[in-house]
Amino acid sequence: MDCLEVTPEFARARELWQRGEFWEVHEVLEPLWMRLEGKRREVVHGLILLAAALHKARTSPTGGWRNFAKALRHLEGLPDIYAGLDLGQTVAEVRRALEQPGYHPRLCLARS
């Protein structure tokens, strides 16, 4: 599995992300995360935590930033473009949403 985007879980998570249903993104990605190993597992863990950050920020900005920091630790050392995803741009989008409540971040795929 080179690209995570081809998995049914990721496809569903992306739909939920676009609708702003960030807790549900977390729930959908968790079974995928449990099956993976190595760097792909870290990517999915990081995405779960980014979604959790966006969910938590609705009620606790501090909690949102805390989950964001956890996500960065899982994504640290990975290239910006990895497994079909644009991790660098996705992280930037989530950071912007945490800084500017009301901004809807994109979950970015790598451009071919």
PDB file of N, CA and C in Angstrom:
ATOM      1  N   MET A   1       0.846  -1.173   0.000  1.00  0.00           N
ATOM      2  CA  MET A   1       0.000   0.000   0.000  1.00  0.00           C
ATOM      3  C   MET A   1       0.891   1.235   0.000  1.00  0.00           C
ATOM      4  N   ASP A   2       1.138   1.792  -1.172  1.00  0.00           N
ATOM      5  CA  ASP A   2       1.973   2.981  -1.246  1.00  0.00           C
ATOM      6  C   ASP A   2       1.233   4.230  -0.799  1.00  0.00           C
ATOM      7  N   CYS A   3      -0.004   4.374  -1.239  1.00  0.00           N
ATOM      8  CA  CYS A   3      -0.767   5.581  -0.936  1.00  0.00           C
ATOM      9  C   CYS A   3      -1.878   5.269   0.054  1.00  0.00           C
ATOM     10  N   LEU A   4      -1.882   5.982   1.141  1.00  0.00           N
ATOM     11  CA  LEU A   4      -2.933   5.793   2.131  1.00  0.00           C
ATOM     12  C   LEU A   4      -4.297   6.201   1.590  1.00  0.00           C
ATOM     13  N   GLU A   5      -4.298   7.141   0.659  1.00  0.00           N
ATOM     14  CA  GLU A   5      -5.570   7.662   0.154  1.00  0.00           C
ATOM     15  C   GLU A   5      -6.422   6.607  -0.532  1.00  0.00           C
ATOM     16  N   VAL A   6      -5.841   5.481  -0.938  1.00  0.00           N
ATOM     17  CA  VAL A   6      -6.609   4.441  -1.623  1.00  0.00           C
ATOM     18  C   VAL A   6      -7.320   3.501  -0.653  1.00  0.00           C
ATOM     19  N   THR A   7      -7.071   3.612   0.627  1.00  0.00           N
ATOM     20  CA  THR A   7      -7.750   2.754   1.585  1.00  0.00           C
ATOM     21  C   THR A   7      -9.175   3.257   1.812  1.00  0.00           C
ATOM     22  N   PRO A   8     -10.121   2.352   2.042  1.00  0.00           N
ATOM     23  CA  PRO A   8     -11.502   2.783   2.305  1.00  0.00           C
ATOM     24  C   PRO A   8     -11.600   3.671   3.541  1.00  0.00           C
ATOM     25  N   GLU A   9     -10.796   3.365   4.550  1.00  0.00           N
ATOM     26  CA  GLU A   9     -10.837   4.175   5.777  1.00  0.00           C
ATOM     27  C   GLU A   9     -10.412   5.607   5.495  1.00  0.00           C
ATOM     28  N   PHE A  10      -9.347   5.771   4.718  1.00  0.00           N
ATOM     29  CA  PHE A  10      -8.878   7.121   4.439  1.00  0.00           C
ATOM     30  C   PHE A  10      -9.883   7.872   3.577  1.00  0.00           C
ATOM     31  N   ALA A  11     -10.462   7.192   2.590  1.00  0.00           N
ATOM     32  CA  ALA A  11     -11.458   7.850   1.734  1.00  0.00           C
ATOM     33  C   ALA A  11     -12.623   8.359   2.586  1.00  0.00           C
ATOM     34  N   ARG A  12     -13.079   7.543   3.519  1.00  0.00           N
ATOM     35  CA  ARG A  12     -14.176   7.954   4.401  1.00  0.00           C
ATOM     36  C   ARG A  12     -13.720   9.082   5.324  1.00  0.00           C
ATOM     37  N   ALA A  13     -12.529   8.974   5.864  1.00  0.00           N
ATOM     38  CA  ALA A  13     -12.009  10.014   6.756  1.00  0.00           C
ATOM     39  C   ALA A  13     -11.906  11.353   6.024  1.00  0.00           C
ATOM     40  N   ARG A  14     -11.511  11.309   4.779  1.00  0.00           N
ATOM     41  CA  ARG A  14     -11.390  12.559   4.007  1.00  0.00           C
ATOM     42  C   ARG A  14     -12.757  13.213   3.810  1.00  0.00           C
ATOM     43  N   GLU A  15     -13.781  12.413   3.529  1.00  0.00           N
ATOM     44  CA  GLU A  15     -15.145  12.957   3.416  1.00  0.00           C
ATOM     45  C   GLU A  15     -15.574  13.621   4.718  1.00  0.00           C
ATOM     46  N   LEU A  16     -15.322  12.941   5.821  1.00  0.00           N
ATOM     47  CA  LEU A  16     -15.697  13.482   7.129  1.00  0.00           C
ATOM     48  C   LEU A  16     -14.926  14.758   7.441  1.00  0.00           C
ATOM     49  N   TRP A  17     -13.640  14.776   7.102  1.00  0.00           N
ATOM     50  CA  TRP A  17     -12.798  15.965   7.332  1.00  0.00           C
ATOM     51  C   TRP A  17     -13.394  17.151   6.578  1.00  0.00           C
ATOM     52  N   GLN A  18     -13.763  16.933   5.315  1.00  0.00           N
ATOM     53  CA  GLN A  18     -14.324  18.013   4.502  1.00  0.00           C
ATOM     54  C   GLN A  18     -15.603  18.571   5.129  1.00  0.00           C
ATOM     55  N   ARG A  19     -16.346  17.736   5.839  1.00  0.00           N
ATOM     56  CA  ARG A  19     -17.590  18.179   6.483  1.00  0.00           C
ATOM     57  C   ARG A  19     -17.346  18.750   7.881  1.00  0.00           C
ATOM     58  N   GLY A  20     -16.104  18.715   8.333  1.00  0.00           N
ATOM     59  CA  GLY A  20     -15.790  19.245   9.655  1.00  0.00           C
ATOM     60  C   GLY A  20     -16.135  18.296  10.793  1.00  0.00           C
ATOM     61  N   GLU A  21     -16.283  17.020  10.488  1.00  0.00           N
ATOM     62  CA  GLU A  21     -16.620  16.015  11.496  1.00  0.00           C
ATOM     63  C   GLU A  21     -15.326  15.349  11.981  1.00  0.00           C
ATOM     64  N   PHE A  22     -14.573  16.126  12.745  1.00  0.00           N
ATOM     65  CA  PHE A  22     -13.217  15.717  13.095  1.00  0.00           C
ATOM     66  C   PHE A  22     -13.152  14.561  14.086  1.00  0.00           C
ATOM     67  N   TRP A  23     -14.091  14.473  15.025  1.00  0.00           N
ATOM     68  CA  TRP A  23     -14.075  13.331  15.939  1.00  0.00           C
ATOM     69  C   TRP A  23     -14.315  12.049  15.159  1.00  0.00           C
ATOM     70  N   GLU A  24     -15.216  12.099  14.181  1.00  0.00           N
ATOM     71  CA  GLU A  24     -15.514  10.934  13.364  1.00  0.00           C
ATOM     72  C   GLU A  24     -14.307  10.526  12.513  1.00  0.00           C
ATOM     73  N   VAL A  25     -13.513  11.515  12.067  1.00  0.00           N
ATOM     74  CA  VAL A  25     -12.269  11.211  11.341  1.00  0.00           C
ATOM     75  C   VAL A  25     -11.389  10.328  12.215  1.00  0.00           C
ATOM     76  N   HIS A  26     -11.240  10.719  13.442  1.00  0.00           N
ATOM     77  CA  HIS A  26     -10.449   9.959  14.407  1.00  0.00           C
ATOM     78  C   HIS A  26     -10.968   8.524  14.505  1.00  0.00           C
ATOM     79  N   GLU A  27     -12.264   8.359  14.644  1.00  0.00           N
ATOM     80  CA  GLU A  27     -12.864   7.034  14.800  1.00  0.00           C
ATOM     81  C   GLU A  27     -12.650   6.156  13.563  1.00  0.00           C
ATOM     82  N   VAL A  28     -12.775   6.738  12.379  1.00  0.00           N
ATOM     83  CA  VAL A  28     -12.641   5.982  11.131  1.00  0.00           C
ATOM     84  C   VAL A  28     -11.187   5.566  10.882  1.00  0.00           C
ATOM     85  N   LEU A  29     -10.241   6.422  11.245  1.00  0.00           N
ATOM     86  CA  LEU A  29      -8.836   6.118  10.986  1.00  0.00           C
ATOM     87  C   LEU A  29      -8.216   5.146  11.991  1.00  0.00           C
ATOM     88  N   GLU A  30      -8.807   5.034  13.144  1.00  0.00           N
ATOM     89  CA  GLU A  30      -8.194   4.200  14.182  1.00  0.00           C
ATOM     90  C   GLU A  30      -7.991   2.737  13.759  1.00  0.00           C
ATOM     91  N   PRO A  31      -8.968   2.070  13.120  1.00  0.00           N
ATOM     92  CA  PRO A  31      -8.709   0.686  12.686  1.00  0.00           C
ATOM     93  C   PRO A  31      -7.568   0.584  11.667  1.00  0.00           C
ATOM     94  N   LEU A  32      -7.452   1.572  10.781  1.00  0.00           N
ATOM     95  CA  LEU A  32      -6.343   1.591   9.822  1.00  0.00           C
ATOM     96  C   LEU A  32      -5.021   1.724  10.567  1.00  0.00           C
ATOM     97  N   TRP A  33      -4.961   2.647  11.499  1.00  0.00           N
ATOM     98  CA  TRP A  33      -3.766   2.873  12.315  1.00  0.00           C
ATOM     99  C   TRP A  33      -3.327   1.582  13.012  1.00  0.00           C
ATOM    100  N   MET A  34      -4.289   0.839  13.519  1.00  0.00           N
ATOM    101  CA  MET A  34      -3.961  -0.386  14.255  1.00  0.00           C
ATOM    102  C   MET A  34      -3.374  -1.468  13.346  1.00  0.00           C
ATOM    103  N   ARG A  35      -3.707  -1.442  12.055  1.00  0.00           N
ATOM    104  CA  ARG A  35      -3.201  -2.453  11.114  1.00  0.00           C
ATOM    105  C   ARG A  35      -1.823  -2.119  10.550  1.00  0.00           C
ATOM    106  N   LEU A  36      -1.458  -0.854  10.572  1.00  0.00           N
ATOM    107  CA  LEU A  36      -0.226  -0.423   9.919  1.00  0.00           C
ATOM    108  C   LEU A  36       0.987  -0.566  10.832  1.00  0.00           C
ATOM    109  N   GLU A  37       2.153  -0.446  10.201  1.00  0.00           N
ATOM    110  CA  GLU A  37       3.424  -0.474  10.933  1.00  0.00           C
ATOM    111  C   GLU A  37       4.320   0.638  10.401  1.00  0.00           C
ATOM    112  N   GLY A  38       5.343   0.944  11.155  1.00  0.00           N
ATOM    113  CA  GLY A  38       6.379   1.870  10.706  1.00  0.00           C
ATOM    114  C   GLY A  38       5.880   3.273  10.428  1.00  0.00           C
ATOM    115  N   LYS A  39       6.432   3.858   9.370  1.00  0.00           N
ATOM    116  CA  LYS A  39       6.148   5.257   9.042  1.00  0.00           C
ATOM    117  C   LYS A  39       4.682   5.497   8.703  1.00  0.00           C
ATOM    118  N   ARG A  40       4.052   4.547   8.012  1.00  0.00           N
ATOM    119  CA  ARG A  40       2.640   4.725   7.665  1.00  0.00           C
ATOM    120  C   ARG A  40       1.771   4.771   8.924  1.00  0.00           C
ATOM    121  N   ARG A  41       2.130   3.978   9.894  1.00  0.00           N
ATOM    122  CA  ARG A  41       1.415   4.012  11.183  1.00  0.00           C
ATOM    123  C   ARG A  41       1.583   5.384  11.837  1.00  0.00           C
ATOM    124  N   GLU A  42       2.787   5.933  11.788  1.00  0.00           N
ATOM    125  CA  GLU A  42       3.032   7.261  12.369  1.00  0.00           C
ATOM    126  C   GLU A  42       2.229   8.341  11.639  1.00  0.00           C
ATOM    127  N   VAL A  43       2.150   8.236  10.312  1.00  0.00           N
ATOM    128  CA  VAL A  43       1.373   9.208   9.536  1.00  0.00           C
ATOM    129  C   VAL A  43      -0.078   9.189   9.981  1.00  0.00           C
ATOM    130  N   VAL A  44      -0.652   7.998  10.052  1.00  0.00           N
ATOM    131  CA  VAL A  44      -2.066   7.900  10.421  1.00  0.00           C
ATOM    132  C   VAL A  44      -2.270   8.352  11.865  1.00  0.00           C
ATOM    133  N   HIS A  45      -1.348   8.018  12.741  1.00  0.00           N
ATOM    134  CA  HIS A  45      -1.438   8.494  14.120  1.00  0.00           C
ATOM    135  C   HIS A  45      -1.399  10.023  14.158  1.00  0.00           C
ATOM    136  N   GLY A  46      -0.502  10.603  13.368  1.00  0.00           N
ATOM    137  CA  GLY A  46      -0.434  12.059  13.289  1.00  0.00           C
ATOM    138  C   GLY A  46      -1.728  12.665  12.771  1.00  0.00           C
ATOM    139  N   LEU A  47      -2.330  12.057  11.750  1.00  0.00           N
ATOM    140  CA  LEU A  47      -3.605  12.566  11.214  1.00  0.00           C
ATOM    141  C   LEU A  47      -4.727  12.450  12.245  1.00  0.00           C
ATOM    142  N   ILE A  48      -4.736  11.345  12.977  1.00  0.00           N
ATOM    143  CA  ILE A  48      -5.733  11.181  14.042  1.00  0.00           C
ATOM    144  C   ILE A  48      -5.603  12.310  15.058  1.00  0.00           C
ATOM    145  N   LEU A  49      -4.374  12.618  15.434  1.00  0.00           N
ATOM    146  CA  LEU A  49      -4.149  13.676  16.418  1.00  0.00           C
ATOM    147  C   LEU A  49      -4.448  15.065  15.856  1.00  0.00           C
ATOM    148  N   LEU A  50      -4.206  15.280  14.566  1.00  0.00           N
ATOM    149  CA  LEU A  50      -4.589  16.561  13.954  1.00  0.00           C
ATOM    150  C   LEU A  50      -6.105  16.726  13.983  1.00  0.00           C
ATOM    151  N   ALA A  51      -6.823  15.654  13.654  1.00  0.00           N
ATOM    152  CA  ALA A  51      -8.282  15.707  13.707  1.00  0.00           C
ATOM    153  C   ALA A  51      -8.751  15.943  15.145  1.00  0.00           C
ATOM    154  N   ALA A  52      -8.109  15.281  16.097  1.00  0.00           N
ATOM    155  CA  ALA A  52      -8.452  15.475  17.509  1.00  0.00           C
ATOM    156  C   ALA A  52      -8.185  16.917  17.938  1.00  0.00           C
ATOM    157  N   ALA A  53      -7.119  17.503  17.425  1.00  0.00           N
ATOM    158  CA  ALA A  53      -6.811  18.900  17.745  1.00  0.00           C
ATOM    159  C   ALA A  53      -7.927  19.825  17.259  1.00  0.00           C
ATOM    160  N   LEU A  54      -8.394  19.588  16.049  1.00  0.00           N
ATOM    161  CA  LEU A  54      -9.461  20.423  15.500  1.00  0.00           C
ATOM    162  C   LEU A  54     -10.765  20.236  16.266  1.00  0.00           C
ATOM    163  N   HIS A  55     -11.042  19.012  16.654  1.00  0.00           N
ATOM    164  CA  HIS A  55     -12.249  18.735  17.445  1.00  0.00           C
ATOM    165  C   HIS A  55     -12.152  19.414  18.816  1.00  0.00           C
ATOM    166  N   LYS A  56     -11.048  19.219  19.486  1.00  0.00           N
ATOM    167  CA  LYS A  56     -10.861  19.740  20.839  1.00  0.00           C
ATOM    168  C   LYS A  56     -10.833  21.266  20.863  1.00  0.00           C
ATOM    169  N   ALA A  57     -10.287  21.868  19.815  1.00  0.00           N
ATOM    170  CA  ALA A  57     -10.165  23.334  19.770  1.00  0.00           C
ATOM    171  C   ALA A  57     -11.521  24.018  19.823  1.00  0.00           C
ATOM    172  N   ARG A  58     -12.573  23.315  19.460  1.00  0.00           N
ATOM    173  CA  ARG A  58     -13.920  23.910  19.502  1.00  0.00           C
ATOM    174  C   ARG A  58     -14.331  24.257  20.922  1.00  0.00           C
ATOM    175  N   THR A  59     -13.847  23.502  21.887  1.00  0.00           N
ATOM    176  CA  THR A  59     -14.217  23.756  23.276  1.00  0.00           C
ATOM    177  C   THR A  59     -13.037  24.187  24.135  1.00  0.00           C
ATOM    178  N   SER A  60     -11.828  23.903  23.676  1.00  0.00           N
ATOM    179  CA  SER A  60     -10.639  24.235  24.459  1.00  0.00           C
ATOM    180  C   SER A  60      -9.464  24.517  23.525  1.00  0.00           C
ATOM    181  N   PRO A  61      -9.204  25.796  23.235  1.00  0.00           N
ATOM    182  CA  PRO A  61      -8.053  26.097  22.376  1.00  0.00           C
ATOM    183  C   PRO A  61      -6.757  25.489  22.894  1.00  0.00           C
ATOM    184  N   THR A  62      -6.559  25.498  24.196  1.00  0.00           N
ATOM    185  CA  THR A  62      -5.345  24.916  24.772  1.00  0.00           C
ATOM    186  C   THR A  62      -5.270  23.424  24.475  1.00  0.00           C
ATOM    187  N   GLY A  63      -6.390  22.738  24.603  1.00  0.00           N
ATOM    188  CA  GLY A  63      -6.429  21.310  24.294  1.00  0.00           C
ATOM    189  C   GLY A  63      -6.158  21.043  22.820  1.00  0.00           C
ATOM    190  N   GLY A  64      -6.642  21.927  21.962  1.00  0.00           N
ATOM    191  CA  GLY A  64      -6.375  21.798  20.534  1.00  0.00           C
ATOM    192  C   GLY A  64      -4.887  21.904  20.239  1.00  0.00           C
ATOM    193  N   TRP A  65      -4.241  22.888  20.836  1.00  0.00           N
ATOM    194  CA  TRP A  65      -2.798  23.059  20.619  1.00  0.00           C
ATOM    195  C   TRP A  65      -2.007  21.893  21.203  1.00  0.00           C
ATOM    196  N   ARG A  66      -2.479  21.346  22.316  1.00  0.00           N
ATOM    197  CA  ARG A  66      -1.793  20.200  22.924  1.00  0.00           C
ATOM    198  C   ARG A  66      -1.822  18.986  21.976  1.00  0.00           C
ATOM    199  N   ASN A  67      -2.985  18.706  21.394  1.00  0.00           N
ATOM    200  CA  ASN A  67      -3.075  17.601  20.435  1.00  0.00           C
ATOM    201  C   ASN A  67      -2.276  17.888  19.171  1.00  0.00           C
ATOM    202  N   PHE A  68      -2.232  19.145  18.761  1.00  0.00           N
ATOM    203  CA  PHE A  68      -1.439  19.532  17.599  1.00  0.00           C
ATOM    204  C   PHE A  68       0.038  19.217  17.846  1.00  0.00           C
ATOM    205  N   ALA A  69       0.534  19.554  19.035  1.00  0.00           N
ATOM    206  CA  ALA A  69       1.939  19.273  19.376  1.00  0.00           C
ATOM    207  C   ALA A  69       2.211  17.772  19.379  1.00  0.00           C
ATOM    208  N   LYS A  70       1.271  16.989  19.875  1.00  0.00           N
ATOM    209  CA  LYS A  70       1.431  15.522  19.846  1.00  0.00           C
ATOM    210  C   LYS A  70       1.501  15.025  18.409  1.00  0.00           C
ATOM    211  N   ALA A  71       0.654  15.567  17.548  1.00  0.00           N
ATOM    212  CA  ALA A  71       0.646  15.165  16.135  1.00  0.00           C
ATOM    213  C   ALA A  71       1.994  15.448  15.498  1.00  0.00           C
ATOM    214  N   LEU A  72       2.549  16.619  15.781  1.00  0.00           N
ATOM    215  CA  LEU A  72       3.842  16.982  15.189  1.00  0.00           C
ATOM    216  C   LEU A  72       4.932  15.997  15.589  1.00  0.00           C
ATOM    217  N   ARG A  73       4.879  15.493  16.805  1.00  0.00           N
ATOM    218  CA  ARG A  73       5.882  14.518  17.246  1.00  0.00           C
ATOM    219  C   ARG A  73       5.797  13.232  16.417  1.00  0.00           C
ATOM    220  N   HIS A  74       4.606  12.837  16.028  1.00  0.00           N
ATOM    221  CA  HIS A  74       4.451  11.625  15.208  1.00  0.00           C
ATOM    222  C   HIS A  74       4.862  11.863  13.756  1.00  0.00           C
ATOM    223  N   LEU A  75       4.717  13.088  13.286  1.00  0.00           N
ATOM    224  CA  LEU A  75       5.035  13.405  11.890  1.00  0.00           C
ATOM    225  C   LEU A  75       6.475  13.871  11.705  1.00  0.00           C
ATOM    226  N   GLU A  76       7.147  14.134  12.813  1.00  0.00           N
ATOM    227  CA  GLU A  76       8.527  14.627  12.783  1.00  0.00           C
ATOM    228  C   GLU A  76       9.431  13.668  12.010  1.00  0.00           C
ATOM    229  N   GLY A  77      10.237  14.232  11.151  1.00  0.00           N
ATOM    230  CA  GLY A  77      11.203  13.440  10.401  1.00  0.00           C
ATOM    231  C   GLY A  77      10.660  12.838   9.114  1.00  0.00           C
ATOM    232  N   LEU A  78       9.360  12.925   8.904  1.00  0.00           N
ATOM    233  CA  LEU A  78       8.776  12.422   7.657  1.00  0.00           C
ATOM    234  C   LEU A  78       8.836  13.516   6.598  1.00  0.00           C
ATOM    235  N   PRO A  79       8.965  13.147   5.340  1.00  0.00           N
ATOM    236  CA  PRO A  79       8.952  14.175   4.295  1.00  0.00           C
ATOM    237  C   PRO A  79       7.575  14.841   4.209  1.00  0.00           C
ATOM    238  N   ASP A  80       7.549  16.059   3.695  1.00  0.00           N
ATOM    239  CA  ASP A  80       6.269  16.774   3.547  1.00  0.00           C
ATOM    240  C   ASP A  80       5.291  16.005   2.671  1.00  0.00           C
ATOM    241  N   ILE A  81       5.804  15.362   1.638  1.00  0.00           N
ATOM    242  CA  ILE A  81       4.964  14.548   0.756  1.00  0.00           C
ATOM    243  C   ILE A  81       5.274  13.092   1.071  1.00  0.00           C
ATOM    244  N   TYR A  82       4.263  12.360   1.545  1.00  0.00           N
ATOM    245  CA  TYR A  82       4.500  10.974   1.936  1.00  0.00           C
ATOM    246  C   TYR A  82       3.202  10.165   1.841  1.00  0.00           C
ATOM    247  N   ALA A  83       3.300   8.991   1.268  1.00  0.00           N
ATOM    248  CA  ALA A  83       2.190   8.032   1.174  1.00  0.00           C
ATOM    249  C   ALA A  83       0.957   8.641   0.502  1.00  0.00           C
ATOM    250  N   GLY A  84       1.202   9.514  -0.481  1.00  0.00           N
ATOM    251  CA  GLY A  84       0.103  10.119  -1.220  1.00  0.00           C
ATOM    252  C   GLY A  84      -0.506  11.351  -0.570  1.00  0.00           C
ATOM    253  N   LEU A  85       0.080  11.774   0.539  1.00  0.00           N
ATOM    254  CA  LEU A  85      -0.447  12.920   1.278  1.00  0.00           C
ATOM    255  C   LEU A  85       0.549  14.064   1.276  1.00  0.00           C
ATOM    256  N   ASP A  86       0.024  15.278   1.347  1.00  0.00           N
ATOM    257  CA  ASP A  86       0.869  16.454   1.525  1.00  0.00           C
ATOM    258  C   ASP A  86       0.800  16.811   3.009  1.00  0.00           C
ATOM    259  N   LEU A  87       1.671  16.199   3.771  1.00  0.00           N
ATOM    260  CA  LEU A  87       1.674  16.384   5.217  1.00  0.00           C
ATOM    261  C   LEU A  87       2.015  17.810   5.610  1.00  0.00           C
ATOM    262  N   GLY A  88       2.984  18.391   4.908  1.00  0.00           N
ATOM    263  CA  GLY A  88       3.391  19.761   5.227  1.00  0.00           C
ATOM    264  C   GLY A  88       2.236  20.741   5.080  1.00  0.00           C
ATOM    265  N   GLN A  89       1.498  20.625   3.991  1.00  0.00           N
ATOM    266  CA  GLN A  89       0.376  21.535   3.758  1.00  0.00           C
ATOM    267  C   GLN A  89      -0.773  21.251   4.721  1.00  0.00           C
ATOM    268  N   THR A  90      -1.011  19.985   5.021  1.00  0.00           N
ATOM    269  CA  THR A  90      -2.078  19.640   5.964  1.00  0.00           C
ATOM    270  C   THR A  90      -1.773  20.205   7.348  1.00  0.00           C
ATOM    271  N   VAL A  91      -0.537  20.072   7.789  1.00  0.00           N
ATOM    272  CA  VAL A  91      -0.137  20.640   9.089  1.00  0.00           C
ATOM    273  C   VAL A  91      -0.327  22.156   9.068  1.00  0.00           C
ATOM    274  N   ALA A  92       0.071  22.815   7.984  1.00  0.00           N
ATOM    275  CA  ALA A  92      -0.099  24.263   7.871  1.00  0.00           C
ATOM    276  C   ALA A  92      -1.581  24.645   7.926  1.00  0.00           C
ATOM    277  N   GLU A  93      -2.422  23.851   7.282  1.00  0.00           N
ATOM    278  CA  GLU A  93      -3.865  24.112   7.298  1.00  0.00           C
ATOM    279  C   GLU A  93      -4.431  24.001   8.713  1.00  0.00           C
ATOM    280  N   VAL A  94      -4.023  22.964   9.438  1.00  0.00           N
ATOM    281  CA  VAL A  94      -4.519  22.784  10.807  1.00  0.00           C
ATOM    282  C   VAL A  94      -4.006  23.902  11.704  1.00  0.00           C
ATOM    283  N   ARG A  95      -2.740  24.270  11.539  1.00  0.00           N
ATOM    284  CA  ARG A  95      -2.190  25.378  12.332  1.00  0.00           C
ATOM    285  C   ARG A  95      -3.012  26.656  12.096  1.00  0.00           C
ATOM    286  N   ARG A  96      -3.319  26.927  10.835  1.00  0.00           N
ATOM    287  CA  ARG A  96      -4.111  28.119  10.507  1.00  0.00           C
ATOM    288  C   ARG A  96      -5.490  28.051  11.162  1.00  0.00           C
ATOM    289  N   ALA A  97      -6.115  26.871  11.152  1.00  0.00           N
ATOM    290  CA  ALA A  97      -7.439  26.727  11.773  1.00  0.00           C
ATOM    291  C   ALA A  97      -7.377  26.948  13.281  1.00  0.00           C
ATOM    292  N   LEU A  98      -6.287  26.506  13.909  1.00  0.00           N
ATOM    293  CA  LEU A  98      -6.140  26.729  15.347  1.00  0.00           C
ATOM    294  C   LEU A  98      -5.891  28.203  15.653  1.00  0.00           C
ATOM    295  N   GLU A  99      -5.199  28.881  14.765  1.00  0.00           N
ATOM    296  CA  GLU A  99      -4.913  30.307  14.952  1.00  0.00           C
ATOM    297  C   GLU A  99      -6.108  31.184  14.596  1.00  0.00           C
ATOM    298  N   GLN A 100      -6.925  30.718  13.653  1.00  0.00           N
ATOM    299  CA  GLN A 100      -8.061  31.498  13.155  1.00  0.00           C
ATOM    300  C   GLN A 100      -9.342  30.676  13.265  1.00  0.00           C
ATOM    301  N   PRO A 101      -9.964  30.648  14.439  1.00  0.00           N
ATOM    302  CA  PRO A 101     -11.212  29.883  14.580  1.00  0.00           C
ATOM    303  C   PRO A 101     -12.205  30.280  13.479  1.00  0.00           C
ATOM    304  N   GLY A 102     -12.844  29.277  12.932  1.00  0.00           N
ATOM    305  CA  GLY A 102     -13.769  29.500  11.826  1.00  0.00           C
ATOM    306  C   GLY A 102     -13.181  29.130  10.476  1.00  0.00           C
ATOM    307  N   TYR A 103     -11.849  29.071  10.401  1.00  0.00           N
ATOM    308  CA  TYR A 103     -11.206  28.639   9.160  1.00  0.00           C
ATOM    309  C   TYR A 103     -11.359  27.132   9.037  1.00  0.00           C
ATOM    310  N   HIS A 104     -11.763  26.661   7.862  1.00  0.00           N
ATOM    311  CA  HIS A 104     -11.914  25.215   7.643  1.00  0.00           C
ATOM    312  C   HIS A 104     -10.683  24.670   6.917  1.00  0.00           C
ATOM    313  N   PRO A 105      -9.872  23.870   7.620  1.00  0.00           N
ATOM    314  CA  PRO A 105      -8.633  23.351   7.026  1.00  0.00           C
ATOM    315  C   PRO A 105      -8.893  22.226   6.036  1.00  0.00           C
ATOM    316  N   ARG A 106      -8.023  22.143   5.053  1.00  0.00           N
ATOM    317  CA  ARG A 106      -8.083  21.046   4.077  1.00  0.00           C
ATOM    318  C   ARG A 106      -7.177  19.910   4.533  1.00  0.00           C
ATOM    319  N   LEU A 107      -7.569  18.695   4.179  1.00  0.00           N
ATOM    320  CA  LEU A 107      -6.715  17.525   4.293  1.00  0.00           C
ATOM    321  C   LEU A 107      -6.132  17.347   2.911  1.00  0.00           C
ATOM    322  N   CYS A 108      -4.848  17.588   2.765  1.00  0.00           N
ATOM    323  CA  CYS A 108      -4.239  17.752   1.444  1.00  0.00           C
ATOM    324  C   CYS A 108      -3.603  16.473   0.924  1.00  0.00           C
ATOM    325  N   LEU A 109      -3.943  16.147  -0.288  1.00  0.00           N
ATOM    326  CA  LEU A 109      -3.307  15.041  -0.992  1.00  0.00           C
ATOM    327  C   LEU A 109      -2.116  15.557  -1.772  1.00  0.00           C
ATOM    328  N   ALA A 110      -1.156  14.675  -2.018  1.00  0.00           N
ATOM    329  CA  ALA A 110       0.007  15.043  -2.829  1.00  0.00           C
ATOM    330  C   ALA A 110      -0.451  15.250  -4.276  1.00  0.00           C
ATOM    331  N   ARG A 111       0.115  16.208  -4.914  1.00  0.00           N
ATOM    332  CA  ARG A 111      -0.200  16.451  -6.340  1.00  0.00           C
ATOM    333  C   ARG A 111       0.740  15.618  -7.180  1.00  0.00           C
ATOM    334  N   SER A 112       0.175  14.960  -8.171  1.00  0.00           N
ATOM    335  CA  SER A 112       1.037  14.126  -9.024  1.00  0.00           C
ATOM    336  C   SER A 112       1.645  14.936 -10.152  1.00  0.00           C
TER     337      SER A 112
END
